[in-house]
Amino acid sequence: MIALIDNIEDQLQPIPAGTILMQDNRIKKSWSATIAPFLIGQFQVTSSLFQEIMGPTDSDFSGDTVPVTSVSWLEAVEFCNQLSKMANLQACYIFSADQQDAKLIPDSNGYRLPSEAEWEYACRAGTHGPRYGALDEIAWYKINSNEHPQPVGTKQPNGWGLYDMLGNVWEWCSDVYDPETYGTYRIFRGGGWADEARGCLATNRRRSHPTFSIDDLGFRLARSL
């Protein structure tokens, strides 16, 4: 298990500080976010890694190197907490009494989900268009996925060495979407294997309840520096 944890650390890519302009076309809103340096996984969390830490999953797809799917936001952050404990790091999330929500613990040094702004900043890797490359070269989506997720890291990475930031599976982020309207709904980004090309854009924002899970939604790890 120590070797597994060491391998995870090797696959975390350092991301430099910067700023990013975020937008939501649905509500006609834009805002600027400042990004501190952080680490993010080069790959989406795989089925084999998730099962090593958490046990069997309800994923509809098999294969050690495919991204884990059908994982709720709550399951993803519990995975982060368990992995942090195994690595002798501080857990990043504290769960509510009813276990139906969790909050990020400020300044924790363990594994967590990226914030939405961190995710988009890392996805763009200094680019400014809707995608960081030609879609067929960087992403598994409806046209080329054969109707299931593909092994991680088999398309071209972005300029910061991150794979599958668009396509393959959507990725949970830490953030609450709009608490006044949607309560505890969380954000996921990136597009997935079942999406048309228009679903795989750096700006696309989707949201759902933290208990929600589906066969084209997974996550990747992040850590604060």
C-alpha atoms as a PDB file:
ATOM      1  CA  MET A   1       0.000   0.000   0.000  1.00  0.00           C
ATOM      2  CA  ILE A   2       2.923   2.357   0.617  1.00  0.00           C
ATOM      3  CA  ALA A   3       3.975   1.845  -3.018  1.00  0.00           C
ATOM      4  CA  LEU A   4       0.454   2.740  -4.149  1.00  0.00           C
ATOM      5  CA  ILE A   5       0.509   5.984  -2.167  1.00  0.00           C
ATOM      6  CA  ASP A   6       3.958   6.839  -3.485  1.00  0.00           C
ATOM      7  CA  ASN A   7       2.681   6.295  -7.008  1.00  0.00           C
ATOM      8  CA  ILE A   8      -0.186   8.694  -6.394  1.00  0.00           C
ATOM      9  CA  GLU A   9       2.229  11.411  -5.290  1.00  0.00           C
ATOM     10  CA  ASP A  10       4.281  10.852  -8.437  1.00  0.00           C
ATOM     11  CA  GLN A  11       1.180  11.483 -10.538  1.00  0.00           C
ATOM     12  CA  LEU A  12       0.304  14.830  -8.959  1.00  0.00           C
ATOM     13  CA  GLN A  13       1.228  17.689 -11.259  1.00  0.00           C
ATOM     14  CA  PRO A  14       2.222  21.086  -9.781  1.00  0.00           C
ATOM     15  CA  ILE A  15       0.103  23.941 -11.115  1.00  0.00           C
ATOM     16  CA  PRO A  16       1.380  27.540 -10.891  1.00  0.00           C
ATOM     17  CA  ALA A  17      -0.496  30.457  -9.368  1.00  0.00           C
ATOM     18  CA  GLY A  18      -2.636  32.638 -11.611  1.00  0.00           C
ATOM     19  CA  THR A  19      -6.068  34.094 -12.267  1.00  0.00           C
ATOM     20  CA  ILE A  20      -8.965  32.948 -14.407  1.00  0.00           C
ATOM     21  CA  LEU A  21     -12.189  34.526 -15.642  1.00  0.00           C
ATOM     22  CA  MET A  22     -15.096  32.173 -14.975  1.00  0.00           C
ATOM     23  CA  GLN A  23     -18.553  32.347 -16.534  1.00  0.00           C
ATOM     24  CA  ASP A  24     -21.986  30.752 -16.428  1.00  0.00           C
ATOM     25  CA  ASN A  25     -23.981  31.413 -19.587  1.00  0.00           C
ATOM     26  CA  ARG A  26     -27.174  30.023 -18.029  1.00  0.00           C
ATOM     27  CA  ILE A  27     -27.363  32.819 -15.467  1.00  0.00           C
ATOM     28  CA  LYS A  28     -25.371  35.378 -17.522  1.00  0.00           C
ATOM     29  CA  LYS A  29     -22.714  35.760 -14.842  1.00  0.00           C
ATOM     30  CA  SER A  30     -18.928  36.062 -14.930  1.00  0.00           C
ATOM     31  CA  TRP A  31     -16.365  36.411 -12.161  1.00  0.00           C
ATOM     32  CA  SER A  32     -12.617  36.355 -11.637  1.00  0.00           C
ATOM     33  CA  ALA A  33     -10.872  33.757  -9.458  1.00  0.00           C
ATOM     34  CA  THR A  34      -7.357  33.856  -8.040  1.00  0.00           C
ATOM     35  CA  ILE A  35      -5.559  30.498  -8.008  1.00  0.00           C
ATOM     36  CA  ALA A  36      -2.845  29.657  -5.478  1.00  0.00           C
ATOM     37  CA  PRO A  37      -0.247  27.030  -6.478  1.00  0.00           C
ATOM     38  CA  PHE A  38      -1.630  23.511  -6.017  1.00  0.00           C
ATOM     39  CA  LEU A  39      -1.246  19.899  -7.122  1.00  0.00           C
ATOM     40  CA  ILE A  40      -3.685  17.990  -9.325  1.00  0.00           C
ATOM     41  CA  GLY A  41      -3.736  14.421 -10.600  1.00  0.00           C
ATOM     42  CA  GLN A  42      -2.459  13.825 -14.095  1.00  0.00           C
ATOM     43  CA  PHE A  43      -5.149  11.153 -14.460  1.00  0.00           C
ATOM     44  CA  GLN A  44      -8.740  10.617 -13.382  1.00  0.00           C
ATOM     45  CA  VAL A  45      -9.009   8.266 -10.396  1.00  0.00           C
ATOM     46  CA  THR A  46      -9.159   4.737 -11.751  1.00  0.00           C
ATOM     47  CA  SER A  47     -11.467   1.910 -10.789  1.00  0.00           C
ATOM     48  CA  SER A  48      -8.551  -0.126  -9.417  1.00  0.00           C
ATOM     49  CA  LEU A  49      -7.303   2.693  -7.187  1.00  0.00           C
ATOM     50  CA  PHE A  50     -10.781   3.435  -5.851  1.00  0.00           C
ATOM     51  CA  GLN A  51     -11.452  -0.213  -5.064  1.00  0.00           C
ATOM     52  CA  GLU A  52      -8.051  -0.605  -3.407  1.00  0.00           C
ATOM     53  CA  ILE A  53      -9.034   2.076  -0.894  1.00  0.00           C
ATOM     54  CA  MET A  54     -12.824   1.719  -0.639  1.00  0.00           C
ATOM     55  CA  GLY A  55     -13.694  -1.810  -1.752  1.00  0.00           C
ATOM     56  CA  PRO A  56     -16.034  -2.928  -4.572  1.00  0.00           C
ATOM     57  CA  THR A  57     -17.985  -0.263  -6.431  1.00  0.00           C
ATOM     58  CA  ASP A  58     -21.245  -0.090  -8.371  1.00  0.00           C
ATOM     59  CA  SER A  59     -19.402   0.919 -11.548  1.00  0.00           C
ATOM     60  CA  ASP A  60     -20.947  -0.429 -14.737  1.00  0.00           C
ATOM     61  CA  PHE A  61     -17.529  -0.848 -16.330  1.00  0.00           C
ATOM     62  CA  SER A  62     -14.574  -3.086 -15.558  1.00  0.00           C
ATOM     63  CA  GLY A  63     -10.874  -2.573 -16.149  1.00  0.00           C
ATOM     64  CA  ASP A  64      -8.103  -1.521 -13.807  1.00  0.00           C
ATOM     65  CA  THR A  65      -7.142   1.568 -15.791  1.00  0.00           C
ATOM     66  CA  VAL A  66     -10.581   2.927 -16.673  1.00  0.00           C
ATOM     67  CA  PRO A  67     -11.807   5.856 -14.564  1.00  0.00           C
ATOM     68  CA  VAL A  68     -14.074   4.943 -11.685  1.00  0.00           C
ATOM     69  CA  THR A  69     -17.713   5.858 -12.389  1.00  0.00           C
ATOM     70  CA  SER A  70     -21.061   5.809 -10.587  1.00  0.00           C
ATOM     71  CA  VAL A  71     -19.389   7.477  -7.592  1.00  0.00           C
ATOM     72  CA  SER A  72     -21.283  10.192  -5.747  1.00  0.00           C
ATOM     73  CA  TRP A  73     -19.669  13.398  -4.497  1.00  0.00           C
ATOM     74  CA  LEU A  74     -19.955  12.072  -0.941  1.00  0.00           C
ATOM     75  CA  GLU A  75     -18.170   8.855  -1.917  1.00  0.00           C
ATOM     76  CA  ALA A  76     -15.468  10.825  -3.710  1.00  0.00           C
ATOM     77  CA  VAL A  77     -14.676  13.005  -0.683  1.00  0.00           C
ATOM     78  CA  GLU A  78     -14.751   9.994   1.645  1.00  0.00           C
ATOM     79  CA  PHE A  79     -12.205   8.377  -0.668  1.00  0.00           C
ATOM     80  CA  CYS A  80     -10.080  11.524  -0.351  1.00  0.00           C
ATOM     81  CA  ASN A  81     -10.296  11.350   3.451  1.00  0.00           C
ATOM     82  CA  GLN A  82      -9.391   7.659   3.587  1.00  0.00           C
ATOM     83  CA  LEU A  83      -6.471   8.119   1.217  1.00  0.00           C
ATOM     84  CA  SER A  84      -5.226  11.073   3.276  1.00  0.00           C
ATOM     85  CA  LYS A  85      -5.275   9.014   6.462  1.00  0.00           C
ATOM     86  CA  MET A  86      -3.356   6.183   4.805  1.00  0.00           C
ATOM     87  CA  ALA A  87      -0.713   8.693   3.685  1.00  0.00           C
ATOM     88  CA  ASN A  88      -0.496  10.260   7.175  1.00  0.00           C
ATOM     89  CA  LEU A  89      -1.990  13.502   5.910  1.00  0.00           C
ATOM     90  CA  GLN A  90      -4.816  15.562   7.357  1.00  0.00           C
ATOM     91  CA  ALA A  91      -8.312  14.714   6.165  1.00  0.00           C
ATOM     92  CA  CYS A  92      -9.761  17.553   4.085  1.00  0.00           C
ATOM     93  CA  TYR A  93     -13.475  17.009   4.720  1.00  0.00           C
ATOM     94  CA  ILE A  94     -15.678  16.899   7.790  1.00  0.00           C
ATOM     95  CA  PHE A  95     -19.047  15.216   7.343  1.00  0.00           C
ATOM     96  CA  SER A  96     -22.366  16.465   8.663  1.00  0.00           C
ATOM     97  CA  ALA A  97     -24.093  14.520  11.439  1.00  0.00           C
ATOM     98  CA  ASP A  98     -26.458  12.875   8.941  1.00  0.00           C
ATOM     99  CA  GLN A  99     -23.587  12.059   6.541  1.00  0.00           C
ATOM    100  CA  GLN A 100     -25.467  13.788   3.701  1.00  0.00           C
ATOM    101  CA  ASP A 101     -22.996  16.639   3.238  1.00  0.00           C
ATOM    102  CA  ALA A 102     -19.388  17.525   3.992  1.00  0.00           C
ATOM    103  CA  LYS A 103     -17.363  20.708   4.292  1.00  0.00           C
ATOM    104  CA  LEU A 104     -13.798  21.372   3.255  1.00  0.00           C
ATOM    105  CA  ILE A 105     -11.449  21.945   6.189  1.00  0.00           C
ATOM    106  CA  PRO A 106      -9.343  25.058   5.496  1.00  0.00           C
ATOM    107  CA  ASP A 107      -5.560  24.595   5.311  1.00  0.00           C
ATOM    108  CA  SER A 108      -5.702  20.779   5.401  1.00  0.00           C
ATOM    109  CA  ASN A 109      -2.792  19.145   3.591  1.00  0.00           C
ATOM    110  CA  GLY A 110      -4.522  15.945   2.469  1.00  0.00           C
ATOM    111  CA  TYR A 111      -6.150  14.832  -0.743  1.00  0.00           C
ATOM    112  CA  ARG A 112      -9.263  16.635  -1.921  1.00  0.00           C
ATOM    113  CA  LEU A 113     -11.283  17.474  -4.986  1.00  0.00           C
ATOM    114  CA  PRO A 114     -10.168  20.529  -6.955  1.00  0.00           C
ATOM    115  CA  SER A 115     -12.237  23.651  -6.689  1.00  0.00           C
ATOM    116  CA  GLU A 116     -14.148  24.535  -9.823  1.00  0.00           C
ATOM    117  CA  ALA A 117     -11.806  27.440 -10.544  1.00  0.00           C
ATOM    118  CA  GLU A 118      -8.749  25.223 -10.021  1.00  0.00           C
ATOM    119  CA  TRP A 119     -10.250  22.625 -12.333  1.00  0.00           C
ATOM    120  CA  GLU A 120     -10.898  25.039 -15.208  1.00  0.00           C
ATOM    121  CA  TYR A 121      -7.549  26.791 -14.738  1.00  0.00           C
ATOM    122  CA  ALA A 122      -5.753  23.437 -14.870  1.00  0.00           C
ATOM    123  CA  CYS A 123      -7.861  22.280 -17.815  1.00  0.00           C
ATOM    124  CA  ARG A 124      -7.047  25.344 -19.893  1.00  0.00           C
ATOM    125  CA  ALA A 125      -3.302  25.187 -19.098  1.00  0.00           C
ATOM    126  CA  GLY A 126      -2.797  28.726 -20.336  1.00  0.00           C
ATOM    127  CA  THR A 127      -5.066  28.430 -23.380  1.00  0.00           C
ATOM    128  CA  HIS A 128      -8.114  30.642 -23.943  1.00  0.00           C
ATOM    129  CA  GLY A 129     -10.328  28.743 -26.385  1.00  0.00           C
ATOM    130  CA  PRO A 130     -13.181  26.327 -25.625  1.00  0.00           C
ATOM    131  CA  ARG A 131     -10.718  23.387 -25.660  1.00  0.00           C
ATOM    132  CA  TYR A 132      -6.973  22.946 -25.224  1.00  0.00           C
ATOM    133  CA  GLY A 133      -6.628  20.948 -28.448  1.00  0.00           C
ATOM    134  CA  ALA A 134      -8.457  19.187 -31.268  1.00  0.00           C
ATOM    135  CA  LEU A 135     -11.263  17.189 -29.649  1.00  0.00           C
ATOM    136  CA  ASP A 136     -10.562  13.818 -31.269  1.00  0.00           C
ATOM    137  CA  GLU A 137      -6.923  14.041 -30.184  1.00  0.00           C
ATOM    138  CA  ILE A 138      -7.575  14.942 -26.529  1.00  0.00           C
ATOM    139  CA  ALA A 139     -10.925  13.417 -25.546  1.00  0.00           C
ATOM    140  CA  TRP A 140     -13.070  10.291 -25.501  1.00  0.00           C
ATOM    141  CA  TYR A 141     -16.638  11.351 -26.280  1.00  0.00           C
ATOM    142  CA  LYS A 142     -19.738  10.018 -28.044  1.00  0.00           C
ATOM    143  CA  ILE A 143     -18.181   9.793 -31.502  1.00  0.00           C
ATOM    144  CA  ASN A 144     -15.088   7.769 -30.551  1.00  0.00           C
ATOM    145  CA  SER A 145     -15.673   6.165 -27.122  1.00  0.00           C
ATOM    146  CA  ASN A 146     -17.521   3.000 -28.255  1.00  0.00           C
ATOM    147  CA  GLU A 147     -20.143   3.806 -25.615  1.00  0.00           C
ATOM    148  CA  HIS A 148     -17.964   3.276 -22.553  1.00  0.00           C
ATOM    149  CA  PRO A 149     -15.070   4.964 -20.721  1.00  0.00           C
ATOM    150  CA  GLN A 150     -11.571   4.289 -21.967  1.00  0.00           C
ATOM    151  CA  PRO A 151      -8.293   3.725 -20.083  1.00  0.00           C
ATOM    152  CA  VAL A 152      -6.961   6.963 -18.642  1.00  0.00           C
ATOM    153  CA  GLY A 153      -4.032   8.707 -20.275  1.00  0.00           C
ATOM    154  CA  THR A 154      -4.553   7.311 -23.771  1.00  0.00           C
ATOM    155  CA  LYS A 155      -5.318  10.648 -25.458  1.00  0.00           C
ATOM    156  CA  GLN A 156      -2.995  13.648 -25.730  1.00  0.00           C
ATOM    157  CA  PRO A 157      -2.468  15.665 -22.503  1.00  0.00           C
ATOM    158  CA  ASN A 158      -2.848  19.405 -22.217  1.00  0.00           C
ATOM    159  CA  GLY A 159       0.123  21.745 -21.962  1.00  0.00           C
ATOM    160  CA  TRP A 160       0.538  21.037 -18.246  1.00  0.00           C
ATOM    161  CA  GLY A 161       0.651  17.264 -18.672  1.00  0.00           C
ATOM    162  CA  LEU A 162      -2.936  16.529 -17.584  1.00  0.00           C
ATOM    163  CA  TYR A 163      -4.920  13.816 -19.364  1.00  0.00           C
ATOM    164  CA  ASP A 164      -8.673  13.537 -20.017  1.00  0.00           C
ATOM    165  CA  MET A 165      -9.522  16.967 -18.647  1.00  0.00           C
ATOM    166  CA  LEU A 166     -12.199  16.912 -21.348  1.00  0.00           C
ATOM    167  CA  GLY A 167     -14.113  13.739 -22.116  1.00  0.00           C
ATOM    168  CA  ASN A 168     -13.938  10.185 -20.732  1.00  0.00           C
ATOM    169  CA  VAL A 169     -15.846  11.024 -17.510  1.00  0.00           C
ATOM    170  CA  TRP A 170     -17.163  14.189 -15.922  1.00  0.00           C
ATOM    171  CA  GLU A 171     -15.298  15.199 -12.752  1.00  0.00           C
ATOM    172  CA  TRP A 172     -16.694  16.265  -9.390  1.00  0.00           C
ATOM    173  CA  CYS A 173     -15.375  19.535  -7.924  1.00  0.00           C
ATOM    174  CA  SER A 174     -15.472  20.623  -4.289  1.00  0.00           C
ATOM    175  CA  ASP A 175     -17.745  23.631  -4.746  1.00  0.00           C
ATOM    176  CA  VAL A 176     -21.407  24.113  -3.945  1.00  0.00           C
ATOM    177  CA  TYR A 177     -23.111  25.354  -7.127  1.00  0.00           C
ATOM    178  CA  ASP A 178     -25.730  27.874  -5.891  1.00  0.00           C
ATOM    179  CA  PRO A 179     -26.793  27.257  -2.268  1.00  0.00           C
ATOM    180  CA  GLU A 180     -29.699  29.708  -2.334  1.00  0.00           C
ATOM    181  CA  THR A 181     -31.319  27.954  -5.301  1.00  0.00           C
ATOM    182  CA  TYR A 182     -29.948  24.386  -5.251  1.00  0.00           C
ATOM    183  CA  GLY A 183     -28.958  23.795  -1.621  1.00  0.00           C
ATOM    184  CA  THR A 184     -26.026  21.369  -1.373  1.00  0.00           C
ATOM    185  CA  TYR A 185     -25.752  20.613  -5.100  1.00  0.00           C
ATOM    186  CA  ARG A 186     -22.108  20.240  -6.212  1.00  0.00           C
ATOM    187  CA  ILE A 187     -20.426  21.077  -9.488  1.00  0.00           C
ATOM    188  CA  PHE A 188     -18.958  18.690 -12.034  1.00  0.00           C
ATOM    189  CA  ARG A 189     -16.969  19.595 -15.115  1.00  0.00           C
ATOM    190  CA  GLY A 190     -15.342  18.334 -18.289  1.00  0.00           C
ATOM    191  CA  GLY A 191     -17.748  16.222 -20.351  1.00  0.00           C
ATOM    192  CA  GLY A 192     -17.819  12.455 -20.669  1.00  0.00           C
ATOM    193  CA  TRP A 193     -17.772   9.448 -22.981  1.00  0.00           C
ATOM    194  CA  ALA A 194     -21.512   9.734 -23.755  1.00  0.00           C
ATOM    195  CA  ASP A 195     -21.490  13.442 -24.639  1.00  0.00           C
ATOM    196  CA  GLU A 196     -21.677  15.132 -28.002  1.00  0.00           C
ATOM    197  CA  ALA A 197     -18.799  17.464 -28.869  1.00  0.00           C
ATOM    198  CA  ARG A 198     -20.690  20.436 -27.439  1.00  0.00           C
ATOM    199  CA  GLY A 199     -20.600  18.776 -24.003  1.00  0.00           C
ATOM    200  CA  CYS A 200     -16.791  18.683 -23.893  1.00  0.00           C
ATOM    201  CA  LEU A 201     -15.894  22.316 -23.302  1.00  0.00           C
ATOM    202  CA  ALA A 202     -13.657  23.942 -20.700  1.00  0.00           C
ATOM    203  CA  THR A 203     -16.527  26.235 -19.673  1.00  0.00           C
ATOM    204  CA  ASN A 204     -19.356  23.714 -19.265  1.00  0.00           C
ATOM    205  CA  ARG A 205     -20.822  23.638 -15.741  1.00  0.00           C
ATOM    206  CA  ARG A 206     -23.178  20.964 -14.445  1.00  0.00           C
ATOM    207  CA  ARG A 207     -24.463  20.257 -10.958  1.00  0.00           C
ATOM    208  CA  SER A 208     -26.305  17.670  -8.908  1.00  0.00           C
ATOM    209  CA  HIS A 209     -27.015  16.509  -5.379  1.00  0.00           C
ATOM    210  CA  PRO A 210     -23.967  15.116  -3.519  1.00  0.00           C
ATOM    211  CA  THR A 211     -25.624  11.670  -3.448  1.00  0.00           C
ATOM    212  CA  PHE A 212     -26.023  11.609  -7.232  1.00  0.00           C
ATOM    213  CA  SER A 213     -24.050   9.056  -9.258  1.00  0.00           C
ATOM    214  CA  ILE A 214     -24.082   8.025 -12.909  1.00  0.00           C
ATOM    215  CA  ASP A 215     -21.995   5.970 -15.328  1.00  0.00           C
ATOM    216  CA  ASP A 216     -20.100   8.893 -16.892  1.00  0.00           C
ATOM    217  CA  LEU A 217     -19.129  10.789 -13.728  1.00  0.00           C
ATOM    218  CA  GLY A 218     -15.908  10.348 -11.747  1.00  0.00           C
ATOM    219  CA  PHE A 219     -13.219  12.612 -10.256  1.00  0.00           C
ATOM    220  CA  ARG A 220      -9.511  13.384  -9.939  1.00  0.00           C
ATOM    221  CA  LEU A 221      -7.397  14.265  -6.897  1.00  0.00           C
ATOM    222  CA  ALA A 222      -5.941  17.592  -5.837  1.00  0.00           C
ATOM    223  CA  ARG A 223      -3.791  18.813  -2.937  1.00  0.00           C
ATOM    224  CA  SER A 224      -2.981  22.243  -1.584  1.00  0.00           C
ATOM    225  CA  LEU A 225       0.622  23.429  -1.376  1.00  0.00           C
END
